[in-house]
Structures are given as C-alpha cells and as structure tokens.
PDB file of N, CA and C in Angstrom:
ATOM      1  N   MET A   1     149.373 128.268 104.782  1.00  0.00           N
ATOM      2  CA  MET A   1     148.548 129.432 104.511  1.00  0.00           C
ATOM      3  C   MET A   1     147.894 129.272 103.146  1.00  0.00           C
ATOM      4  N   ASN A   2     146.588 129.303 103.136  1.00  0.00           N
ATOM      5  CA  ASN A   2     145.841 129.222 101.889  1.00  0.00           C
ATOM      6  C   ASN A   2     145.037 130.490 101.681  1.00  0.00           C
ATOM      7  N   LEU A   3     145.103 130.987 100.476  1.00  0.00           N
ATOM      8  CA  LEU A   3     144.336 132.157 100.084  1.00  0.00           C
ATOM      9  C   LEU A   3     142.852 131.809 100.065  1.00  0.00           C
ATOM     10  N   ALA A   4     142.026 132.767 100.448  1.00  0.00           N
ATOM     11  CA  ALA A   4     140.578 132.564 100.429  1.00  0.00           C
ATOM     12  C   ALA A   4     140.116 132.273  99.002  1.00  0.00           C
ATOM     13  N   HIS A   5     139.018 131.521  98.881  1.00  0.00           N
ATOM     14  CA  HIS A   5     138.397 131.247  97.583  1.00  0.00           C
ATOM     15  C   HIS A   5     138.005 132.575  96.943  1.00  0.00           C
ATOM     16  N   THR A   6     137.947 132.592  95.647  1.00  0.00           N
ATOM     17  CA  THR A   6     137.663 133.819  94.907  1.00  0.00           C
ATOM     18  C   THR A   6     136.406 134.538  95.393  1.00  0.00           C
ATOM     19  N   SER A   7     135.347 133.798  95.681  1.00  0.00           N
ATOM     20  CA  SER A   7     134.109 134.455  96.116  1.00  0.00           C
ATOM     21  C   SER A   7     134.293 135.125  97.478  1.00  0.00           C
ATOM     22  N   HIS A   8     135.068 134.512  98.373  1.00  0.00           N
ATOM     23  CA  HIS A   8     135.335 135.133  99.672  1.00  0.00           C
ATOM     24  C   HIS A   8     136.302 136.312  99.530  1.00  0.00           C
ATOM     25  N   LEU A   9     137.269 136.195  98.621  1.00  0.00           N
ATOM     26  CA  LEU A   9     138.152 137.337  98.359  1.00  0.00           C
ATOM     27  C   LEU A   9     137.341 138.529  97.870  1.00  0.00           C
ATOM     28  N   ARG A  10     136.401 138.268  96.973  1.00  0.00           N
ATOM     29  CA  ARG A  10     135.537 139.326  96.450  1.00  0.00           C
ATOM     30  C   ARG A  10     134.720 139.952  97.583  1.00  0.00           C
ATOM     31  N   ALA A  11     134.142 139.115  98.419  1.00  0.00           N
ATOM     32  CA  ALA A  11     133.298 139.604  99.513  1.00  0.00           C
ATOM     33  C   ALA A  11     134.119 140.412 100.516  1.00  0.00           C
ATOM     34  N   CYS A  12     135.281 139.897 100.888  1.00  0.00           N
ATOM     35  CA  CYS A  12     136.136 140.616 101.841  1.00  0.00           C
ATOM     36  C   CYS A  12     136.627 141.935 101.252  1.00  0.00           C
ATOM     37  N   SER A  13     137.005 141.911  99.985  1.00  0.00           N
ATOM     38  CA  SER A  13     137.467 143.139  99.327  1.00  0.00           C
ATOM     39  C   SER A  13     136.367 144.182  99.270  1.00  0.00           C
ATOM     40  N   GLU A  14     135.146 143.746  98.987  1.00  0.00           N
ATOM     41  CA  GLU A  14     134.022 144.685  98.927  1.00  0.00           C
ATOM     42  C   GLU A  14     133.745 145.292 100.304  1.00  0.00           C
ATOM     43  N   VAL A  15     133.845 144.474 101.354  1.00  0.00           N
ATOM     44  CA  VAL A  15     133.652 144.991 102.713  1.00  0.00           C
ATOM     45  C   VAL A  15     134.728 146.024 103.036  1.00  0.00           C
ATOM     46  N   LEU A  16     135.987 145.727 102.712  1.00  0.00           N
ATOM     47  CA  LEU A  16     137.070 146.679 102.991  1.00  0.00           C
ATOM     48  C   LEU A  16     136.902 147.969 102.195  1.00  0.00           C
ATOM     49  N   PHE A  17     136.523 147.847 100.939  1.00  0.00           N
ATOM     50  CA  PHE A  17     136.277 149.030 100.107  1.00  0.00           C
ATOM     51  C   PHE A  17     135.158 149.879 100.711  1.00  0.00           C
ATOM     52  N   SER A  18     134.053 149.237 101.037  1.00  0.00           N
ATOM     53  CA  SER A  18     132.903 149.950 101.603  1.00  0.00           C
ATOM     54  C   SER A  18     133.247 150.575 102.951  1.00  0.00           C
ATOM     55  N   ALA A  19     134.026 149.864 103.768  1.00  0.00           N
ATOM     56  CA  ALA A  19     134.422 150.390 105.081  1.00  0.00           C
ATOM     57  C   ALA A  19     135.317 151.614 104.929  1.00  0.00           C
ATOM     58  N   ALA A  20     136.213 151.591 103.963  1.00  0.00           N
ATOM     59  CA  ALA A  20     137.091 152.748 103.742  1.00  0.00           C
ATOM     60  C   ALA A  20     136.283 153.971 103.307  1.00  0.00           C
ATOM     61  N   ILE A  21     135.336 153.766 102.412  1.00  0.00           N
ATOM     62  CA  ILE A  21     134.475 154.873 101.963  1.00  0.00           C
ATOM     63  C   ILE A  21     133.652 155.401 103.138  1.00  0.00           C
ATOM     64  N   GLU A  22     133.099 154.486 103.934  1.00  0.00           N
ATOM     65  CA  GLU A  22     132.288 154.878 105.088  1.00  0.00           C
ATOM     66  C   GLU A  22     133.114 155.661 106.105  1.00  0.00           C
ATOM     67  N   ALA A  23     134.325 155.185 106.386  1.00  0.00           N
ATOM     68  CA  ALA A  23     135.186 155.880 107.359  1.00  0.00           C
ATOM     69  C   ALA A  23     135.525 157.280 106.867  1.00  0.00           C
ATOM     70  N   ARG A  24     135.804 157.396 105.605  1.00  0.00           N
ATOM     71  CA  ARG A  24     136.103 158.716 105.036  1.00  0.00           C
ATOM     72  C   ARG A  24     134.896 159.637 105.153  1.00  0.00           C
ATOM     73  N   TRP A  25     133.704 159.122 104.822  1.00  0.00           N
ATOM     74  CA  TRP A  25     132.492 159.930 104.922  1.00  0.00           C
ATOM     75  C   TRP A  25     132.235 160.360 106.364  1.00  0.00           C
ATOM     76  N   LEU A  26     132.392 159.429 107.303  1.00  0.00           N
ATOM     77  CA  LEU A  26     132.188 159.763 108.716  1.00  0.00           C
ATOM     78  C   LEU A  26     133.181 160.820 109.178  1.00  0.00           C
ATOM     79  N   ALA A  27     134.417 160.713 108.742  1.00  0.00           N
ATOM     80  CA  ALA A  27     135.428 161.706 109.124  1.00  0.00           C
ATOM     81  C   ALA A  27     135.079 163.075 108.567  1.00  0.00           C
ATOM     82  N   TYR A  28     134.586 163.127 107.337  1.00  0.00           N
ATOM     83  CA  TYR A  28     134.182 164.404 106.757  1.00  0.00           C
ATOM     84  C   TYR A  28     133.018 165.023 107.521  1.00  0.00           C
ATOM     85  N   GLN A  29     132.198 164.195 108.145  1.00  0.00           N
ATOM     86  CA  GLN A  29     131.079 164.699 108.931  1.00  0.00           C
ATOM     87  C   GLN A  29     131.548 165.315 110.248  1.00  0.00           C
ATOM     88  N   GLY A  30     132.772 165.012 110.650  1.00  0.00           N
ATOM     89  CA  GLY A  30     133.340 165.586 111.858  1.00  0.00           C
ATOM     90  C   GLY A  30     132.765 165.020 113.144  1.00  0.00           C
ATOM     91  N   ALA A  31     132.161 163.883 113.071  1.00  0.00           N
ATOM     92  CA  ALA A  31     131.543 163.300 114.263  1.00  0.00           C
ATOM     93  C   ALA A  31     131.685 161.778 114.214  1.00  0.00           C
ATOM     94  N   ARG A  32     131.078 161.150 115.182  1.00  0.00           N
ATOM     95  CA  ARG A  32     130.994 159.692 115.237  1.00  0.00           C
ATOM     96  C   ARG A  32     132.358 159.003 115.333  1.00  0.00           C
ATOM     97  N   ASP A  33     133.239 159.540 116.176  1.00  0.00           N
ATOM     98  CA  ASP A  33     134.527 158.888 116.379  1.00  0.00           C
ATOM     99  C   ASP A  33     134.335 157.445 116.831  1.00  0.00           C
ATOM    100  N   ALA A  34     133.338 157.204 117.673  1.00  0.00           N
ATOM    101  CA  ALA A  34     133.082 155.842 118.158  1.00  0.00           C
ATOM    102  C   ALA A  34     132.673 154.932 117.008  1.00  0.00           C
ATOM    103  N   GLN A  35     131.913 155.461 116.050  1.00  0.00           N
ATOM    104  CA  GLN A  35     131.501 154.628 114.921  1.00  0.00           C
ATOM    105  C   GLN A  35     132.697 154.286 114.040  1.00  0.00           C
ATOM    106  N   ILE A  36     133.574 155.237 113.812  1.00  0.00           N
ATOM    107  CA  ILE A  36     134.768 154.953 113.020  1.00  0.00           C
ATOM    108  C   ILE A  36     135.612 153.888 113.712  1.00  0.00           C
ATOM    109  N   ALA A  37     135.767 154.001 115.017  1.00  0.00           N
ATOM    110  CA  ALA A  37     136.531 153.000 115.770  1.00  0.00           C
ATOM    111  C   ALA A  37     135.878 151.630 115.669  1.00  0.00           C
ATOM    112  N   ASP A  38     134.562 151.566 115.800  1.00  0.00           N
ATOM    113  CA  ASP A  38     133.850 150.287 115.679  1.00  0.00           C
ATOM    114  C   ASP A  38     133.970 149.713 114.272  1.00  0.00           C
ATOM    115  N   LEU A  39     133.913 150.576 113.281  1.00  0.00           N
ATOM    116  CA  LEU A  39     134.042 150.147 111.892  1.00  0.00           C
ATOM    117  C   LEU A  39     135.419 149.528 111.650  1.00  0.00           C
ATOM    118  N   MET A  40     136.454 150.195 112.115  1.00  0.00           N
ATOM    119  CA  MET A  40     137.803 149.673 111.917  1.00  0.00           C
ATOM    120  C   MET A  40     138.028 148.391 112.729  1.00  0.00           C
ATOM    121  N   TYR A  41     137.422 148.309 113.899  1.00  0.00           N
ATOM    122  CA  TYR A  41     137.509 147.077 114.685  1.00  0.00           C
ATOM    123  C   TYR A  41     136.890 145.911 113.911  1.00  0.00           C
ATOM    124  N   ALA A  42     135.780 146.162 113.259  1.00  0.00           N
ATOM    125  CA  ALA A  42     135.071 145.100 112.541  1.00  0.00           C
ATOM    126  C   ALA A  42     135.864 144.570 111.356  1.00  0.00           C
ATOM    127  N   VAL A  43     136.703 145.388 110.753  1.00  0.00           N
ATOM    128  CA  VAL A  43     137.369 144.968 109.514  1.00  0.00           C
ATOM    129  C   VAL A  43     138.884 144.790 109.618  1.00  0.00           C
ATOM    130  N   HIS A  44     139.480 145.129 110.731  1.00  0.00           N
ATOM    131  CA  HIS A  44     140.946 145.179 110.779  1.00  0.00           C
ATOM    132  C   HIS A  44     141.636 143.832 110.551  1.00  0.00           C
ATOM    133  N   ASN A  45     140.995 142.724 110.824  1.00  0.00           N
ATOM    134  CA  ASN A  45     141.623 141.417 110.623  1.00  0.00           C
ATOM    135  C   ASN A  45     141.405 140.841 109.227  1.00  0.00           C
ATOM    136  N   ILE A  46     140.540 141.435 108.440  1.00  0.00           N
ATOM    137  CA  ILE A  46     140.182 140.868 107.143  1.00  0.00           C
ATOM    138  C   ILE A  46     141.384 140.688 106.213  1.00  0.00           C
ATOM    139  N   PRO A  47     142.307 141.646 106.093  1.00  0.00           N
ATOM    140  CA  PRO A  47     143.446 141.416 105.180  1.00  0.00           C
ATOM    141  C   PRO A  47     144.247 140.157 105.531  1.00  0.00           C
ATOM    142  N   HIS A  48     144.492 139.934 106.801  1.00  0.00           N
ATOM    143  CA  HIS A  48     145.232 138.735 107.216  1.00  0.00           C
ATOM    144  C   HIS A  48     144.424 137.469 106.967  1.00  0.00           C
ATOM    145  N   LEU A  49     143.138 137.529 107.227  1.00  0.00           N
ATOM    146  CA  LEU A  49     142.290 136.358 107.015  1.00  0.00           C
ATOM    147  C   LEU A  49     142.231 135.972 105.544  1.00  0.00           C
ATOM    148  N   MET A  50     142.213 136.950 104.667  1.00  0.00           N
ATOM    149  CA  MET A  50     142.160 136.671 103.234  1.00  0.00           C
ATOM    150  C   MET A  50     143.375 135.869 102.775  1.00  0.00           C
ATOM    151  N   LEU A  51     144.497 136.096 103.428  1.00  0.00           N
ATOM    152  CA  LEU A  51     145.734 135.412 103.059  1.00  0.00           C
ATOM    153  C   LEU A  51     145.932 134.088 103.787  1.00  0.00           C
ATOM    154  N   ASP A  52     145.188 133.876 104.857  1.00  0.00           N
ATOM    155  CA  ASP A  52     145.318 132.650 105.659  1.00  0.00           C
ATOM    156  C   ASP A  52     143.916 132.138 105.987  1.00  0.00           C
ATOM    157  N   TRP A  53     143.155 131.829 104.949  1.00  0.00           N
ATOM    158  CA  TRP A  53     141.738 131.523 105.082  1.00  0.00           C
ATOM    159  C   TRP A  53     141.473 130.295 105.940  1.00  0.00           C
ATOM    160  N   ASP A  54     142.420 129.369 105.995  1.00  0.00           N
ATOM    161  CA  ASP A  54     142.244 128.170 106.830  1.00  0.00           C
ATOM    162  C   ASP A  54     142.026 128.534 108.300  1.00  0.00           C
ATOM    163  N   ARG A  55     142.555 129.650 108.739  1.00  0.00           N
ATOM    164  CA  ARG A  55     142.398 130.100 110.119  1.00  0.00           C
ATOM    165  C   ARG A  55     141.135 130.923 110.334  1.00  0.00           C
ATOM    166  N   CYS A  56     140.456 131.252 109.255  1.00  0.00           N
ATOM    167  CA  CYS A  56     139.279 132.110 109.351  1.00  0.00           C
ATOM    168  C   CYS A  56     138.068 131.333 109.843  1.00  0.00           C
ATOM    169  N   ASP A  57     137.448 131.830 110.875  1.00  0.00           N
ATOM    170  CA  ASP A  57     136.156 131.324 111.337  1.00  0.00           C
ATOM    171  C   ASP A  57     135.104 132.230 110.689  1.00  0.00           C
ATOM    172  N   VAL A  58     134.546 131.774 109.593  1.00  0.00           N
ATOM    173  CA  VAL A  58     133.621 132.606 108.812  1.00  0.00           C
ATOM    174  C   VAL A  58     132.422 133.022 109.646  1.00  0.00           C
ATOM    175  N   ASN A  59     131.936 132.129 110.483  1.00  0.00           N
ATOM    176  CA  ASN A  59     130.790 132.486 111.335  1.00  0.00           C
ATOM    177  C   ASN A  59     131.153 133.602 112.300  1.00  0.00           C
ATOM    178  N   LEU A  60     132.356 133.565 112.859  1.00  0.00           N
ATOM    179  CA  LEU A  60     132.795 134.636 113.753  1.00  0.00           C
ATOM    180  C   LEU A  60     132.953 135.940 112.975  1.00  0.00           C
ATOM    181  N   LEU A  61     133.554 135.871 111.806  1.00  0.00           N
ATOM    182  CA  LEU A  61     133.698 137.063 110.975  1.00  0.00           C
ATOM    183  C   LEU A  61     132.336 137.694 110.686  1.00  0.00           C
ATOM    184  N   ARG A  62     131.378 136.866 110.300  1.00  0.00           N
ATOM    185  CA  ARG A  62     130.043 137.385 109.996  1.00  0.00           C
ATOM    186  C   ARG A  62     129.375 137.969 111.244  1.00  0.00           C
ATOM    187  N   ARG A  63     129.600 137.356 112.423  1.00  0.00           N
ATOM    188  CA  ARG A  63     129.034 137.902 113.670  1.00  0.00           C
ATOM    189  C   ARG A  63     129.636 139.265 113.994  1.00  0.00           C
ATOM    190  N   ILE A  64     130.939 139.414 113.773  1.00  0.00           N
ATOM    191  CA  ILE A  64     131.584 140.708 114.029  1.00  0.00           C
ATOM    192  C   ILE A  64     131.017 141.769 113.088  1.00  0.00           C
ATOM    193  N   LEU A  65     130.858 141.420 111.829  1.00  0.00           N
ATOM    194  CA  LEU A  65     130.261 142.363 110.875  1.00  0.00           C
ATOM    195  C   LEU A  65     128.822 142.685 111.262  1.00  0.00           C
ATOM    196  N   ALA A  66     128.077 141.666 111.665  1.00  0.00           N
ATOM    197  CA  ALA A  66     126.678 141.865 112.065  1.00  0.00           C
ATOM    198  C   ALA A  66     126.579 142.696 113.341  1.00  0.00           C
ATOM    199  N   ASP A  67     127.529 142.535 114.255  1.00  0.00           N
ATOM    200  CA  ASP A  67     127.522 143.349 115.475  1.00  0.00           C
ATOM    201  C   ASP A  67     127.655 144.831 115.143  1.00  0.00           C
ATOM    202  N   TYR A  68     128.535 145.151 114.198  1.00  0.00           N
ATOM    203  CA  TYR A  68     128.656 146.543 113.759  1.00  0.00           C
ATOM    204  C   TYR A  68     127.336 147.020 113.170  1.00  0.00           C
ATOM    205  N   ASP A  69     126.753 146.188 112.306  1.00  0.00           N
ATOM    206  CA  ASP A  69     125.491 146.550 111.660  1.00  0.00           C
ATOM    207  C   ASP A  69     124.398 146.821 112.688  1.00  0.00           C
ATOM    208  N   THR A  70     124.307 145.964 113.687  1.00  0.00           N
ATOM    209  CA  THR A  70     123.276 146.107 114.713  1.00  0.00           C
ATOM    210  C   THR A  70     123.478 147.381 115.519  1.00  0.00           C
ATOM    211  N   LYS A  71     124.729 147.621 115.931  1.00  0.00           N
ATOM    212  CA  LYS A  71     125.010 148.799 116.761  1.00  0.00           C
ATOM    213  C   LYS A  71     124.754 150.099 116.002  1.00  0.00           C
ATOM    214  N   TRP A  72     125.082 150.120 114.729  1.00  0.00           N
ATOM    215  CA  TRP A  72     124.991 151.357 113.970  1.00  0.00           C
ATOM    216  C   TRP A  72     123.888 151.312 112.906  1.00  0.00           C
ATOM    217  N   ALA A  73     122.877 150.513 113.133  1.00  0.00           N
ATOM    218  CA  ALA A  73     121.752 150.398 112.189  1.00  0.00           C
ATOM    219  C   ALA A  73     121.175 151.787 111.906  1.00  0.00           C
ATOM    220  N   GLY A  74     120.921 152.028 110.651  1.00  0.00           N
ATOM    221  CA  GLY A  74     120.337 153.308 110.274  1.00  0.00           C
ATOM    222  C   GLY A  74     121.348 154.416 110.111  1.00  0.00           C
ATOM    223  N   HIS A  75     122.637 154.101 110.304  1.00  0.00           N
ATOM    224  CA  HIS A  75     123.679 155.132 110.203  1.00  0.00           C
ATOM    225  C   HIS A  75     124.634 154.850 109.053  1.00  0.00           C
ATOM    226  N   GLY A  76     124.160 154.177 108.019  1.00  0.00           N
ATOM    227  CA  GLY A  76     125.019 153.973 106.862  1.00  0.00           C
ATOM    228  C   GLY A  76     125.234 152.514 106.513  1.00  0.00           C
ATOM    229  N   LEU A  77     126.469 152.147 106.420  1.00  0.00           N
ATOM    230  CA  LEU A  77     126.921 150.864 105.903  1.00  0.00           C
ATOM    231  C   LEU A  77     126.380 149.667 106.679  1.00  0.00           C
ATOM    232  N   CYS A  78     126.039 148.602 105.964  1.00  0.00           N
ATOM    233  CA  CYS A  78     125.700 147.306 106.557  1.00  0.00           C
ATOM    234  C   CYS A  78     126.761 146.320 106.098  1.00  0.00           C
ATOM    235  N   LEU A  79     127.749 146.061 106.937  1.00  0.00           N
ATOM    236  CA  LEU A  79     128.889 145.232 106.554  1.00  0.00           C
ATOM    237  C   LEU A  79     128.487 143.810 106.191  1.00  0.00           C
ATOM    238  N   ASN A  80     127.630 143.204 107.007  1.00  0.00           N
ATOM    239  CA  ASN A  80     127.254 141.816 106.765  1.00  0.00           C
ATOM    240  C   ASN A  80     126.475 141.696 105.455  1.00  0.00           C
ATOM    241  N   LYS A  81     125.607 142.663 105.192  1.00  0.00           N
ATOM    242  CA  LYS A  81     124.846 142.672 103.941  1.00  0.00           C
ATOM    243  C   LYS A  81     125.791 142.840 102.751  1.00  0.00           C
ATOM    244  N   THR A  82     126.790 143.694 102.886  1.00  0.00           N
ATOM    245  CA  THR A  82     127.792 143.900 101.834  1.00  0.00           C
ATOM    246  C   THR A  82     128.539 142.604 101.562  1.00  0.00           C
ATOM    247  N   TYR A  83     128.955 141.908 102.640  1.00  0.00           N
ATOM    248  CA  TYR A  83     129.669 140.638 102.509  1.00  0.00           C
ATOM    249  C   TYR A  83     128.791 139.605 101.805  1.00  0.00           C
ATOM    250  N   ASP A  84     127.564 139.460 102.283  1.00  0.00           N
ATOM    251  CA  ASP A  84     126.664 138.455 101.710  1.00  0.00           C
ATOM    252  C   ASP A  84     126.349 138.742 100.244  1.00  0.00           C
ATOM    253  N   ALA A  85     126.134 140.010  99.897  1.00  0.00           N
ATOM    254  CA  ALA A  85     125.816 140.365  98.517  1.00  0.00           C
ATOM    255  C   ALA A  85     126.982 140.041  97.591  1.00  0.00           C
ATOM    256  N   ALA A  86     128.188 140.383  97.999  1.00  0.00           N
ATOM    257  CA  ALA A  86     129.356 140.101  97.172  1.00  0.00           C
ATOM    258  C   ALA A  86     129.619 138.606  97.091  1.00  0.00           C
ATOM    259  N   LEU A  87     129.385 137.902  98.178  1.00  0.00           N
ATOM    260  CA  LEU A  87     129.569 136.454  98.184  1.00  0.00           C
ATOM    261  C   LEU A  87     128.562 135.778  97.261  1.00  0.00           C
ATOM    262  N   SER A  88     127.314 136.221  97.287  1.00  0.00           N
ATOM    263  CA  SER A  88     126.291 135.603  96.442  1.00  0.00           C
ATOM    264  C   SER A  88     126.533 135.896  94.969  1.00  0.00           C
ATOM    265  N   GLU A  89     127.144 137.037  94.649  1.00  0.00           N
ATOM    266  CA  GLU A  89     127.504 137.327  93.261  1.00  0.00           C
ATOM    267  C   GLU A  89     128.454 136.263  92.732  1.00  0.00           C
ATOM    268  N   GLY A  90     129.423 135.893  93.554  1.00  0.00           N
ATOM    269  CA  GLY A  90     130.370 134.862  93.154  1.00  0.00           C
ATOM    270  C   GLY A  90     129.714 133.510  93.062  1.00  0.00           C
ATOM    271  N   ASP A  91     128.796 133.204  93.947  1.00  0.00           N
ATOM    272  CA  ASP A  91     128.102 131.919  93.950  1.00  0.00           C
ATOM    273  C   ASP A  91     127.091 131.824  92.821  1.00  0.00           C
ATOM    274  N   ALA A  92     126.670 132.970  92.267  1.00  0.00           N
ATOM    275  CA  ALA A  92     125.652 132.957  91.224  1.00  0.00           C
ATOM    276  C   ALA A  92     126.246 132.683  89.839  1.00  0.00           C
ATOM    277  N   GLY A  93     127.542 132.431  89.814  1.00  0.00           N
ATOM    278  CA  GLY A  93     128.153 132.047  88.552  1.00  0.00           C
ATOM    279  C   GLY A  93     128.791 133.199  87.786  1.00  0.00           C
ATOM    280  N   THR A  94     128.971 134.337  88.428  1.00  0.00           N
ATOM    281  CA  THR A  94     129.668 135.424  87.754  1.00  0.00           C
ATOM    282  C   THR A  94     131.120 135.011  87.586  1.00  0.00           C
ATOM    283  N   PRO A  95     131.812 135.556  86.605  1.00  0.00           N
ATOM    284  CA  PRO A  95     133.201 135.171  86.371  1.00  0.00           C
ATOM    285  C   PRO A  95     134.050 135.378  87.622  1.00  0.00           C
ATOM    286  N   GLN A  96     134.853 134.388  87.907  1.00  0.00           N
ATOM    287  CA  GLN A  96     135.722 134.466  89.081  1.00  0.00           C
ATOM    288  C   GLN A  96     137.136 134.520  88.600  1.00  0.00           C
TER     289      GLN A  96
END
C-alpha cells in the first residue's frame, strides 16, 4: 500500500471537502436526494484510494467524477474541475 503523491492527496482532499459542503447545502435545500446519492457515490472510494494509490485507476476516478458533473451540470459542484484545479496547483510548484 502506497500513499498517493502529495498533489493527488491535495486534489482528493479538495474533492472530499467540496463534496461534503455540497451535500450539506443540498440537504439544507430539502431536495435533490438523488443528487446527494450520486455525489456520495462519486466520492465514497476516495479515502481508500488515497491510502492505496497503487490500486487507483486515475482515469476511472476522473470518469466517475466527470459523470457526476455531466449529470448535474448547472446544479453546483464540478468534481472533476475541482480535482484538476487542485492537482494543477501542486504541479505548478506550490509547496507540497
């Protein structure tokens, strides 16, 4: 088991943080149970993947995040964009 590289840890953590905020906001709205379920489906494996990165298929992870984004476009969070933005911050030479 190998821990994900710092830039991927940052990206995964940002996605989980954003997903938690989004789920809370959706719950406060009192609607969109299906969106909350889809959101949690998209992120539920991320904690395990962060700890066992060798097993992570990054392309599959990004497709799952993108599937959520496509289905719920215009309704808030863009998971894949959040992941890519946090990942590029790490690649741009910010302190890791």
